[in-house]
Amino acid sequence: MNNQTFYFTGNNYAQPATAGGNGGNGGPGPKGTDGIAHYLDYSCPPIYLVQPGSGGNGGNGTNGTTGSKGAKGTAAPNGILHFGDIQGDVTILVGGGNGQQGGKGGNGGDGGPGGAAGNLQKSIVNIFQIGATGTFGDPNFKAGSQGQAGHAGNGGDGGDGGDGGTVVVYYNSSTGNFHTQTTAGQGGNGGAAGTPGTGNGTPAHGNPGNPGRPGAAPVIKLFKNG
């Protein structure tokens, strides 16, 4: 038998786990009520009978959700090898697959826009039409504030590494060398945190997920016949 290499390894994941859901955006705030302004003359300060209302605040964005946890790595298969007289080198590689990376956290939703202030309807009147019911001065009305931003979702934890298998080798004689390499499946990386939404307040930045744990170490056993 000449040089040969034998693999007993688990597969790695090509893609991370499912990302968390994004938060929803808040709805717009309601428009303020319209006002009425009567003027004796547009060059004079207005007389306000009904002041416009301020716009309502926008709705709050909702939070992103946590990414999914990564799956455990695939286990290395077990195996038994039977050789006669070995004249070359034999290399045996045994190891579980790496754990899947955790899913990314969902992004926080944006706060909804504030509602517009009410409109001001203007008209010219004389003092006798107004009587004593008017008020002088500028009204204090404004647009509503943007809603609170949604918090970012946390990244999902990485999956644990795949467990190693057990490979048993039987042979009669060998003039070459056995090269054995065992690797435990590594834990997957944690998923990245999501991005907070935009809006008022101080939305939390999510935390990345925790890495997974290594899998169980594989075992290779060599037995000479006779």
Protein backbone atom coordinates (compact mmCIF):
# COMPACT_ATOMS: atom_id res chain seq x y z
CA MET A 1 0.00 0.00 0.00
CA ASN A 2 1.38 3.42 -1.03
CA ASN A 3 0.82 6.84 0.57
CA GLN A 4 -2.83 7.52 1.32
CA THR A 5 -4.91 10.05 3.25
CA PHE A 6 -8.22 9.28 4.96
CA TYR A 7 -10.69 11.94 6.07
CA PHE A 8 -13.28 11.54 8.83
CA THR A 9 -14.49 15.11 9.17
CA GLY A 10 -17.78 16.93 9.63
CA ASN A 11 -18.92 19.62 7.20
CA ASN A 12 -18.95 23.33 8.02
CA TYR A 13 -21.94 25.62 7.54
CA ALA A 14 -21.84 27.96 4.56
CA GLN A 15 -24.27 30.53 5.99
CA PRO A 16 -25.00 31.98 9.44
CA ALA A 17 -28.23 31.27 11.26
CA THR A 18 -31.37 33.25 10.49
CA ALA A 19 -31.18 36.95 11.34
CA GLY A 20 -33.56 38.53 13.81
CA GLY A 21 -36.57 40.45 12.58
CA ASN A 22 -36.35 44.20 12.08
CA GLY A 23 -38.51 46.46 14.23
CA GLY A 24 -41.40 48.31 12.63
CA ASN A 25 -41.38 52.04 12.04
CA GLY A 26 -43.68 54.23 14.08
CA GLY A 27 -46.64 55.89 12.41
CA PRO A 28 -46.87 59.64 11.84
CA GLY A 29 -48.32 61.87 14.54
CA PRO A 30 -51.72 63.47 13.94
CA LYS A 31 -51.93 66.98 12.46
CA GLY A 32 -52.84 69.75 14.86
CA THR A 33 -56.22 71.45 14.65
CA ASP A 34 -56.50 74.56 12.49
CA GLY A 35 -56.73 78.00 14.04
CA ILE A 36 -58.40 81.25 13.05
CA ALA A 37 -56.65 84.63 13.15
CA HIS A 38 -58.50 87.91 12.71
CA TYR A 39 -56.58 91.07 11.90
CA LEU A 40 -57.62 94.69 12.09
CA ASP A 41 -54.80 95.26 9.63
CA TYR A 42 -52.12 92.87 8.44
CA SER A 43 -49.52 95.44 9.53
CA CYS A 44 -50.82 95.21 13.09
CA PRO A 45 -50.45 92.28 15.52
CA PRO A 46 -53.12 89.65 14.95
CA ILE A 47 -56.09 88.97 17.18
CA TYR A 48 -56.35 85.18 17.63
CA LEU A 49 -59.75 83.78 18.30
CA VAL A 50 -58.70 80.12 17.98
CA GLN A 51 -55.05 79.17 18.18
CA PRO A 52 -53.82 76.34 15.94
CA GLY A 53 -53.10 73.10 17.75
CA SER A 54 -49.67 71.51 17.90
CA GLY A 55 -49.07 68.32 15.95
CA GLY A 56 -49.05 65.04 17.82
CA ASN A 57 -45.86 63.07 18.41
CA GLY A 58 -44.95 60.29 16.03
CA GLY A 59 -45.38 56.69 17.03
CA ASN A 60 -42.48 54.79 18.57
CA GLY A 61 -40.40 52.37 16.52
CA THR A 62 -40.46 48.80 17.77
CA ASN A 63 -37.39 46.83 18.79
CA GLY A 64 -35.44 44.44 16.60
CA THR A 65 -35.48 40.82 17.72
CA THR A 66 -32.56 38.56 18.64
CA GLY A 67 -30.87 36.55 15.88
CA SER A 68 -31.28 32.80 15.86
CA LYS A 69 -28.77 30.59 17.64
CA GLY A 70 -26.34 28.77 15.38
CA ALA A 71 -26.74 25.04 14.92
CA LYS A 72 -24.29 22.57 16.40
CA GLY A 73 -21.52 21.50 14.05
CA THR A 74 -21.87 18.18 12.27
CA ALA A 75 -20.17 15.30 14.03
CA ALA A 76 -17.22 13.47 12.52
CA PRO A 77 -18.15 9.97 11.36
CA ASN A 78 -16.74 6.93 13.12
CA GLY A 79 -14.64 4.56 11.08
CA ILE A 80 -12.69 1.28 11.02
CA LEU A 81 -9.73 0.77 8.68
CA HIS A 82 -8.15 -2.65 7.93
CA PHE A 83 -4.69 -2.68 6.33
CA GLY A 84 -2.31 -5.45 5.47
CA ASP A 85 1.35 -4.57 4.98
CA ILE A 86 1.80 -0.79 4.72
CA GLN A 87 4.75 0.35 2.62
CA GLY A 88 4.01 4.08 2.47
CA ASP A 89 2.76 6.79 4.81
CA VAL A 90 -0.82 6.82 6.03
CA THR A 91 -2.44 10.10 7.05
CA ILE A 92 -5.68 10.09 9.02
CA LEU A 93 -7.60 13.30 9.71
CA VAL A 94 -10.51 13.24 12.15
CA GLY A 95 -12.55 16.21 13.37
CA GLY A 96 -16.05 17.56 13.82
CA GLY A 97 -17.40 20.46 11.79
CA ASN A 98 -17.45 23.98 13.17
CA GLY A 99 -20.60 25.32 14.78
CA GLN A 100 -22.80 27.63 12.77
CA GLN A 101 -22.44 31.37 13.25
CA GLY A 102 -25.29 33.00 15.13
CA GLY A 103 -27.79 35.13 13.27
CA LYS A 104 -27.49 38.91 13.14
CA GLY A 105 -29.76 40.89 15.42
CA GLY A 106 -32.65 42.76 13.86
CA ASN A 107 -32.50 46.50 13.35
CA GLY A 108 -34.63 48.79 15.49
CA GLY A 109 -37.52 50.58 13.86
CA ASP A 110 -37.48 54.34 13.23
CA GLY A 111 -39.67 56.67 15.22
CA GLY A 112 -42.57 58.03 13.24
CA PRO A 113 -42.52 61.67 12.08
CA GLY A 114 -44.29 64.23 14.22
CA GLY A 115 -47.58 65.59 13.00
CA ALA A 116 -47.69 68.99 11.37
CA ALA A 117 -49.03 71.94 13.34
CA GLY A 118 -52.46 73.19 12.48
CA ASN A 119 -52.91 75.79 9.77
CA LEU A 120 -53.72 79.41 10.55
CA GLN A 121 -56.65 80.88 8.64
CA LYS A 122 -56.35 84.68 8.38
CA SER A 123 -58.95 87.32 7.72
CA ILE A 124 -59.38 91.11 8.07
CA VAL A 125 -62.16 92.27 10.38
CA ASN A 126 -63.05 95.49 12.18
CA ILE A 127 -62.95 95.94 15.92
CA PHE A 128 -66.70 95.85 16.21
CA GLN A 129 -66.81 92.37 14.70
CA ILE A 130 -64.27 91.10 17.21
CA GLY A 131 -65.65 92.62 20.38
CA ALA A 132 -63.90 91.46 23.54
CA THR A 133 -63.48 87.82 22.53
CA GLY A 134 -60.11 88.12 20.77
CA THR A 135 -56.65 87.67 22.27
CA PHE A 136 -53.49 89.47 21.20
CA GLY A 137 -50.09 87.89 20.69
CA ASP A 138 -48.46 85.05 18.78
CA PRO A 139 -49.88 81.58 19.40
CA ASN A 140 -47.53 78.88 20.69
CA PHE A 141 -48.00 76.00 18.31
CA LYS A 142 -45.52 73.69 16.65
CA ALA A 143 -45.09 70.40 14.85
CA GLY A 144 -45.03 67.21 16.90
CA SER A 145 -41.79 65.46 17.84
CA GLN A 146 -40.48 62.35 16.13
CA GLY A 147 -41.30 59.15 17.96
CA GLN A 148 -38.86 57.09 20.02
CA ALA A 149 -36.38 54.97 18.09
CA GLY A 150 -36.53 51.18 18.47
CA HIS A 151 -33.72 49.28 20.19
CA ALA A 152 -31.39 47.04 18.17
CA GLY A 153 -31.72 43.27 18.54
CA ASN A 154 -28.94 41.15 20.00
CA GLY A 155 -26.92 38.79 17.83
CA GLY A 156 -27.66 35.10 18.19
CA ASP A 157 -25.19 32.82 19.98
CA GLY A 158 -22.90 30.68 17.87
CA GLY A 159 -23.53 26.95 17.66
CA ASP A 160 -21.29 24.48 19.48
CA GLY A 161 -18.64 22.65 17.49
CA GLY A 162 -19.34 19.18 16.16
CA ASP A 163 -18.12 16.21 18.15
CA GLY A 164 -15.19 14.16 16.91
CA GLY A 165 -15.63 10.54 15.99
CA THR A 166 -13.61 7.45 16.85
CA VAL A 167 -11.47 5.84 14.13
CA VAL A 168 -9.90 2.41 14.73
CA VAL A 169 -7.02 1.20 12.48
CA TYR A 170 -5.85 -2.44 12.18
CA TYR A 171 -2.68 -3.31 10.21
CA ASN A 172 -0.20 -6.16 9.82
CA SER A 173 3.07 -4.26 9.35
CA SER A 174 4.28 -0.85 8.28
CA THR A 175 7.52 0.41 6.73
CA GLY A 176 6.12 3.93 6.53
CA ASN A 177 4.66 6.30 9.10
CA PHE A 178 1.23 6.96 10.50
CA HIS A 179 0.31 10.66 10.55
CA THR A 180 -2.74 11.35 12.65
CA GLN A 181 -4.41 14.70 13.16
CA THR A 182 -7.42 15.27 15.37
CA THR A 183 -9.29 18.57 15.63
CA ALA A 184 -12.30 19.37 17.76
CA GLY A 185 -15.05 21.23 15.92
CA GLN A 186 -14.78 24.89 16.86
CA GLY A 187 -17.72 26.83 18.23
CA GLY A 188 -19.37 29.21 15.79
CA ASN A 189 -18.96 32.93 16.18
CA GLY A 190 -21.73 34.94 17.73
CA GLY A 191 -23.95 36.93 15.41
CA ALA A 192 -23.47 40.68 15.02
CA ALA A 193 -25.82 43.06 16.81
CA GLY A 194 -28.45 44.98 14.89
CA THR A 195 -28.51 48.74 14.33
CA PRO A 196 -30.76 50.99 16.43
CA GLY A 197 -33.49 52.95 14.71
CA THR A 198 -33.47 56.71 14.32
CA GLY A 199 -35.66 58.98 16.40
CA ASN A 200 -35.89 60.50 19.84
CA GLY A 201 -34.52 58.91 22.96
CA THR A 202 -31.36 56.85 23.33
CA PRO A 203 -32.02 53.52 21.65
CA ALA A 204 -29.87 50.65 22.86
CA HIS A 205 -27.23 49.12 20.63
CA GLY A 206 -27.65 45.38 20.74
CA ASN A 207 -24.97 43.01 21.98
CA PRO A 208 -23.20 40.50 19.74
CA GLY A 209 -23.94 36.85 20.41
CA ASN A 210 -21.67 34.60 22.43
CA PRO A 211 -19.41 32.12 20.61
CA GLY A 212 -20.24 28.44 20.80
CA ARG A 213 -18.21 25.85 22.69
CA PRO A 214 -15.80 23.41 21.03
CA GLY A 215 -17.04 19.92 20.33
CA ALA A 216 -15.73 16.75 21.93
CA ALA A 217 -12.23 15.72 20.82
CA PRO A 218 -11.96 12.83 18.34
CA VAL A 219 -10.02 9.62 19.01
CA ILE A 220 -7.75 7.54 16.75
CA LYS A 221 -6.70 4.05 17.84
CA LEU A 222 -3.96 1.99 16.13
CA PHE A 223 -3.75 -1.79 16.53
CA LYS A 224 -1.11 -4.08 14.98
CA ASN A 225 -2.46 -7.52 14.09
CA GLY A 226 -0.86 -10.66 15.42
